[in-house]
Amino acid sequence: MHKYMRAIGFSKLTDRREEQKLITDVIMNASHRAYTSNGEETILAEFCEDFAQDMGIAVCGEFDAEDKFTYDYFYPYLRGTGVSSYEDVSVERHADKESYAGICDDIKVGVSLIFYLQNIVPYVKAQHMDMLPVRGTTLTLSGLSISGNIILPIDKDESEKQKIQKASMSRNKLIAAARKGDEEAIESLTLEDMDIYTSISRKILTEDVFSLVDTYFMPYGVECDQYSVLGEILDISLRTNRITKEEIYVMRISCNDLEFDVCINKKDLYGEPQIGRRFKGVIWMQGYINYPM
C-alpha cells in the first residue's frame, strides 16, 4: 500500500483487494493516457485518473508484442500549478522499476532538489529519440504530506519585508558567483553564515526557534525526495475526493523563495490554514517537467 494515498483522500484504503479494484478502475477509466516505445517489442504506458481537481492516481506498466498490459506500479499525484524553477533539470532512472528521479540545482534552495518525476513518458520518448538534454525546460513542483501543522506568521512590516527580499537577492547573487569559483563570494558567504549562527545561538536562549526561522527546506529521512519544510501559505483551497468524500487541503506555499503546491488530508492537518500563516510538515516532492513545444 502506498504510504501517501491518504494525502489524496484514501485514508481508509488498507485492503489489497480494494487496492487492485482501484488500480483496475484507473486503467479502464483513465482521464489521461500516455504511451511510448521503451524496447523493440514493448510499449511503456501510463494511465492517470483524477479523483479531485488536479490530484489522483497514476498506473504505469508495459504492453507486450501481443498487446497485453502488465501492471508495474502505481503512485498518488498532485499536479502543481505555475512554474517553481527555471533551472535545468537532469533525470535518473530508479534501479528497481521504470520510474525516474529529477534533480534540479536551484540556488534559492541551497541543496540539490531531488523529486519524483510525474511525466515520465515525454522524457523516455526524448531519450529514445536521442534528443537529450532538452534545453529551455521549466519545472512545476508539488508535494504530498500525511502530517502537518499550521504556525502563526512572524509579524513584519513593509520595510522589513523589502529588507528581507533585498538580502535574499543579494545572497542568491553571491551563491551564483561562488558556484563559478569566485573566492570573494565564497568568503562573504562563509562570514555571513558565521554571523547568522552566532546571532541565532544567542537569541535561541530566550526566544522560540519559529520566531527566528521564517522558512526552511531540509532533506528528511533516508529517501532523497522527502523534505521537511516550513513555508508561508500564499493560496489555499479545499477539495473533495469524489470516491471517499474525504476533504483535502491544497496550499500554495513559499519556502526559501521556492513556490509549490502541497496537498494534505484535512484530518492530518493540525490547525486552521489561512493565507499568511505558515505550513510545517514533511512532504514527498514530485515534479512535472514542462518541455518547450
Protein backbone atom coordinates (compact mmCIF):
# COMPACT_ATOMS: atom_id res chain seq x y z
CA MET A 1 0.00 0.00 0.00
CA HIS A 2 1.42 3.39 -0.96
CA LYS A 3 2.15 5.50 2.12
CA TYR A 4 0.90 8.76 0.58
CA MET A 5 -2.52 7.53 -0.65
CA ARG A 6 -4.16 9.20 2.36
CA ALA A 7 -2.83 12.57 1.16
CA ILE A 8 -5.30 12.47 -1.78
CA GLY A 9 -8.23 11.19 0.29
CA PHE A 10 -7.75 7.40 0.54
CA SER A 11 -7.00 7.15 4.27
CA LYS A 12 -9.26 4.10 4.74
CA LEU A 13 -7.75 2.08 1.88
CA THR A 14 -5.99 -0.80 3.67
CA ASP A 15 -7.21 -3.90 1.83
CA ARG A 16 -5.18 -5.28 -1.11
CA ARG A 17 -8.35 -6.38 -2.87
CA GLU A 18 -9.72 -2.83 -2.76
CA GLU A 19 -6.36 -1.54 -3.98
CA GLN A 20 -6.41 -3.84 -7.02
CA LYS A 21 -10.01 -2.83 -7.74
CA LEU A 22 -8.97 0.84 -7.65
CA ILE A 23 -5.99 0.21 -9.98
CA THR A 24 -8.27 -1.59 -12.45
CA ASP A 25 -10.68 1.35 -12.34
CA VAL A 26 -7.85 3.79 -13.14
CA ILE A 27 -6.72 1.69 -16.14
CA MET A 28 -10.25 1.31 -17.51
CA ASN A 29 -11.46 4.89 -16.89
CA ALA A 30 -8.26 6.93 -17.14
CA SER A 31 -8.76 10.62 -17.94
CA HIS A 32 -5.21 10.80 -19.34
CA ARG A 33 -3.21 8.13 -21.19
CA ALA A 34 0.37 8.31 -22.45
CA TYR A 35 2.38 5.78 -24.44
CA THR A 36 5.89 5.47 -25.84
CA SER A 37 8.18 2.71 -27.05
CA ASN A 38 10.76 1.57 -24.50
CA GLY A 39 12.02 -1.51 -26.31
CA GLU A 40 11.82 -3.44 -29.56
CA GLU A 41 8.62 -5.26 -28.61
CA THR A 42 7.28 -3.34 -25.58
CA ILE A 43 5.42 -0.08 -25.08
CA LEU A 44 5.57 1.92 -21.85
CA ALA A 45 2.09 3.09 -20.78
CA GLU A 46 0.87 5.45 -18.09
CA PHE A 47 -2.80 5.81 -17.04
CA CYS A 48 -3.91 8.71 -14.83
CA GLU A 49 -7.31 9.34 -13.26
CA ASP A 50 -8.24 12.40 -11.18
CA PHE A 51 -10.30 11.82 -8.02
CA ALA A 52 -10.33 15.52 -7.16
CA GLN A 53 -9.16 18.59 -9.04
CA ASP A 54 -5.54 18.04 -10.21
CA MET A 55 -4.97 15.02 -7.94
CA GLY A 56 -5.38 11.31 -8.46
CA ILE A 57 -3.60 8.03 -9.15
CA ALA A 58 -1.15 7.12 -11.92
CA VAL A 59 -0.68 3.49 -13.00
CA CYS A 60 2.39 2.52 -15.02
CA GLY A 61 3.20 -0.67 -16.90
CA GLU A 62 4.01 -2.19 -20.28
CA PHE A 63 2.21 -3.57 -23.34
CA ASP A 64 3.96 -6.58 -24.87
CA ALA A 65 4.05 -7.69 -28.52
CA GLU A 66 0.62 -9.38 -28.08
CA ASP A 67 -0.91 -6.12 -26.79
CA LYS A 68 -1.21 -7.49 -23.25
CA PHE A 69 -0.80 -4.94 -20.45
CA THR A 70 1.36 -5.83 -17.44
CA TYR A 71 0.91 -3.58 -14.41
CA ASP A 72 4.21 -2.49 -12.81
CA TYR A 73 3.44 0.12 -10.11
CA PHE A 74 1.16 3.00 -9.14
CA TYR A 75 1.51 6.24 -7.18
CA PRO A 76 -0.71 9.12 -6.00
CA TYR A 77 -0.03 12.53 -7.52
CA LEU A 78 -0.83 16.21 -7.18
CA ARG A 79 -0.48 18.22 -10.37
CA GLY A 80 1.14 21.53 -9.42
CA THR A 81 0.36 24.97 -10.83
CA GLY A 82 2.67 27.71 -12.07
CA VAL A 83 6.44 27.46 -12.50
CA SER A 84 8.60 26.64 -9.48
CA SER A 85 12.02 26.81 -11.17
CA TYR A 86 13.58 27.84 -14.47
CA GLU A 87 16.83 25.96 -13.81
CA ASP A 88 17.87 22.99 -15.97
CA VAL A 89 16.80 19.56 -14.74
CA SER A 90 18.65 16.25 -15.03
CA VAL A 91 16.86 12.89 -14.73
CA GLU A 92 17.99 9.49 -13.45
CA ARG A 93 16.12 6.16 -13.59
CA HIS A 94 15.35 4.32 -10.35
CA ALA A 95 17.10 0.96 -10.04
CA ASP A 96 14.09 -1.25 -9.29
CA LYS A 97 11.47 -0.09 -11.82
CA GLU A 98 10.72 2.17 -14.78
CA SER A 99 10.33 5.32 -12.68
CA TYR A 100 12.56 8.37 -12.57
CA ALA A 101 14.01 10.96 -10.19
CA GLY A 102 14.66 14.53 -11.27
CA ILE A 103 17.49 16.68 -9.92
CA CYS A 104 17.40 20.48 -10.02
CA ASP A 105 20.16 22.75 -8.66
CA ASP A 106 18.17 25.87 -7.80
CA ILE A 107 20.26 28.42 -5.89
CA LYS A 108 17.19 29.53 -3.89
CA VAL A 109 17.02 26.19 -2.07
CA GLY A 110 20.68 25.73 -1.20
CA VAL A 111 20.65 21.95 -1.79
CA SER A 112 20.25 19.76 -4.87
CA LEU A 113 16.50 19.42 -5.18
CA ILE A 114 15.53 15.79 -5.90
CA PHE A 115 11.93 14.94 -6.83
CA TYR A 116 9.81 12.08 -8.17
CA LEU A 117 9.16 12.68 -11.88
CA GLN A 118 5.47 12.68 -12.81
CA ASN A 119 5.57 12.89 -16.62
CA ILE A 120 7.96 10.04 -17.46
CA VAL A 121 6.62 9.34 -20.97
CA PRO A 122 7.88 12.59 -22.62
CA TYR A 123 11.31 12.00 -21.04
CA VAL A 124 11.54 8.36 -22.20
CA LYS A 125 10.38 9.45 -25.67
CA ALA A 126 13.10 12.13 -25.85
CA GLN A 127 15.66 9.61 -24.58
CA HIS A 128 14.86 7.06 -27.31
CA MET A 129 14.96 9.78 -29.98
CA ASP A 130 18.42 10.96 -28.76
CA MET A 131 17.05 14.45 -28.04
CA LEU A 132 18.57 14.76 -24.56
CA PRO A 133 19.40 17.06 -22.96
CA VAL A 134 16.33 19.22 -23.72
CA ARG A 135 17.06 22.90 -23.11
CA GLY A 136 14.57 25.60 -22.17
CA THR A 137 12.51 23.44 -19.81
CA THR A 138 10.78 24.72 -16.68
CA LEU A 139 9.79 22.81 -13.56
CA THR A 140 6.46 22.65 -11.71
CA LEU A 141 6.79 21.16 -8.23
CA SER A 142 4.18 19.73 -5.88
CA GLY A 143 4.25 17.90 -2.57
CA LEU A 144 2.12 15.31 -0.77
CA SER A 145 2.01 15.34 3.02
CA ILE A 146 0.50 12.97 5.59
CA SER A 147 1.24 15.09 8.68
CA GLY A 148 1.43 18.87 9.12
CA ASN A 149 0.89 21.81 11.43
CA ILE A 150 -0.21 25.39 10.92
CA ILE A 151 2.00 28.00 12.60
CA LEU A 152 1.32 31.70 13.01
CA PRO A 153 3.44 34.08 10.89
CA ILE A 154 6.26 36.29 12.08
CA ASP A 155 4.98 39.88 12.27
CA LYS A 156 6.81 42.01 9.69
CA ASP A 157 6.06 45.49 8.37
CA GLU A 158 6.56 46.52 4.73
CA SER A 159 10.08 47.90 5.23
CA GLU A 160 11.21 44.64 6.89
CA LYS A 161 9.75 42.60 4.01
CA GLN A 162 11.65 44.72 1.48
CA LYS A 163 14.83 44.38 3.51
CA ILE A 164 14.47 40.56 3.62
CA GLN A 165 13.77 40.43 -0.12
CA LYS A 166 16.82 42.58 -0.88
CA ALA A 167 19.04 40.42 1.35
CA SER A 168 17.73 37.26 -0.34
CA MET A 169 18.51 38.62 -3.82
CA SER A 170 21.99 39.63 -2.69
CA ARG A 171 22.63 36.17 -1.21
CA ASN A 172 21.44 34.42 -4.40
CA LYS A 173 23.90 36.52 -6.44
CA LEU A 174 26.72 35.56 -4.08
CA ILE A 175 25.80 31.85 -4.31
CA ALA A 176 25.76 32.06 -8.12
CA ALA A 177 29.18 33.72 -8.08
CA ALA A 178 30.53 31.17 -5.58
CA ARG A 179 29.46 28.32 -7.86
CA LYS A 180 31.61 29.84 -10.59
CA GLY A 181 34.62 29.85 -8.25
CA ASP A 182 34.58 33.48 -7.04
CA GLU A 183 36.72 33.37 -3.86
CA GLU A 184 35.42 36.71 -2.53
CA ALA A 185 31.83 35.47 -2.82
CA ILE A 186 32.76 32.23 -1.01
CA GLU A 187 34.42 34.21 1.79
CA SER A 188 31.43 36.59 2.08
CA LEU A 189 29.00 33.66 2.35
CA THR A 190 31.17 31.95 4.98
CA LEU A 191 31.33 35.09 7.12
CA GLU A 192 27.60 35.67 6.70
CA ASP A 193 26.80 32.10 7.83
CA MET A 194 29.05 32.54 10.87
CA ASP A 195 27.27 35.79 11.80
CA ILE A 196 23.85 34.13 11.43
CA TYR A 197 24.95 31.16 13.56
CA THR A 198 26.28 33.45 16.31
CA SER A 199 23.12 35.59 16.28
CA ILE A 200 20.74 32.61 16.45
CA SER A 201 22.81 30.86 19.15
CA ARG A 202 22.43 33.97 21.32
CA LYS A 203 18.72 34.56 20.64
CA ILE A 204 17.64 30.91 20.95
CA LEU A 205 18.26 31.06 24.72
CA THR A 206 15.31 33.42 25.21
CA GLU A 207 13.21 33.13 22.02
CA ASP A 208 11.28 30.37 20.24
CA VAL A 209 13.02 28.90 17.18
CA PHE A 210 9.98 29.52 14.91
CA SER A 211 10.04 33.23 15.74
CA LEU A 212 13.64 33.33 14.46
CA VAL A 213 13.36 30.99 11.46
CA ASP A 214 10.78 32.22 8.95
CA THR A 215 11.04 29.34 6.44
CA TYR A 216 13.25 26.31 5.89
CA PHE A 217 13.68 23.48 3.36
CA MET A 218 15.63 20.42 4.56
CA PRO A 219 16.08 16.82 3.37
CA TYR A 220 14.19 14.39 5.61
CA GLY A 221 14.92 10.75 6.40
CA VAL A 222 16.77 8.33 4.14
CA GLU A 223 14.64 8.80 0.99
CA CYS A 224 16.10 11.55 -1.15
CA ASP A 225 12.79 13.01 -2.41
CA GLN A 226 11.29 13.69 1.03
CA TYR A 227 11.74 17.04 2.76
CA SER A 228 10.87 18.79 5.99
CA VAL A 229 9.50 22.23 5.09
CA LEU A 230 8.25 25.40 6.71
CA GLY A 231 6.71 27.91 4.34
CA GLU A 232 4.25 30.77 4.08
CA ILE A 233 0.79 29.94 2.71
CA LEU A 234 0.09 32.04 -0.41
CA ASP A 235 -3.17 30.41 -1.52
CA ILE A 236 -5.49 27.68 -0.24
CA SER A 237 -8.39 25.58 -1.49
CA LEU A 238 -10.44 22.72 -0.03
CA ARG A 239 -11.18 19.84 -2.41
CA THR A 240 -13.20 16.63 -2.01
CA ASN A 241 -12.26 13.13 -3.17
CA ARG A 242 -15.25 12.08 -5.31
CA ILE A 243 -14.97 8.42 -4.23
CA THR A 244 -14.31 8.63 -0.48
CA LYS A 245 -15.75 12.13 0.09
CA GLU A 246 -12.70 12.96 2.24
CA GLU A 247 -11.63 16.62 2.22
CA ILE A 248 -8.14 17.64 1.16
CA TYR A 249 -6.40 20.98 1.65
CA VAL A 250 -4.31 22.18 -1.28
CA MET A 251 -1.97 25.02 -0.29
CA ARG A 252 0.48 27.00 -2.38
CA ILE A 253 3.43 27.78 -0.16
CA SER A 254 6.57 29.88 -0.46
CA CYS A 255 9.56 28.16 1.08
CA ASN A 256 13.03 29.73 0.75
CA ASP A 257 11.59 31.76 -2.19
CA LEU A 258 10.58 28.48 -3.87
CA GLU A 259 6.84 28.26 -4.61
CA PHE A 260 4.98 24.96 -4.95
CA ASP A 261 1.63 23.30 -4.11
CA VAL A 262 1.14 20.90 -1.19
CA CYS A 263 -1.87 18.67 -0.54
CA ILE A 264 -2.79 17.10 2.79
CA ASN A 265 -5.84 15.28 4.12
CA LYS A 266 -7.90 17.60 6.33
CA LYS A 267 -7.79 15.07 9.20
CA ASP A 268 -3.94 15.03 9.08
CA LEU A 269 -3.51 18.80 9.40
CA TYR A 270 -3.33 20.30 12.89
CA GLY A 271 -4.56 23.91 12.91
CA GLU A 272 -6.62 26.16 10.67
CA PRO A 273 -4.81 27.13 7.44
CA GLN A 274 -5.13 30.71 6.26
CA ILE A 275 -3.26 32.87 3.76
CA GLY A 276 -0.28 34.44 5.55
CA ARG A 277 0.08 31.68 8.11
CA ARG A 278 2.81 29.03 7.78
CA PHE A 279 2.66 25.32 6.98
CA LYS A 280 5.14 23.00 8.72
CA GLY A 281 5.38 19.37 7.72
CA VAL A 282 7.13 16.56 5.86
CA ILE A 283 6.40 16.27 2.14
CA TRP A 284 7.05 13.81 -0.68
CA MET A 285 8.26 16.05 -3.52
CA GLN A 286 7.04 15.46 -7.05
CA GLY A 287 7.84 17.39 -10.21
CA TYR A 288 6.46 17.92 -13.71
CA ILE A 289 8.94 18.99 -16.38
CA ASN A 290 7.42 21.48 -18.83
CA TYR A 291 9.07 20.78 -22.18
CA PRO A 292 9.17 23.56 -24.82
CA MET A 293 6.92 22.98 -27.83
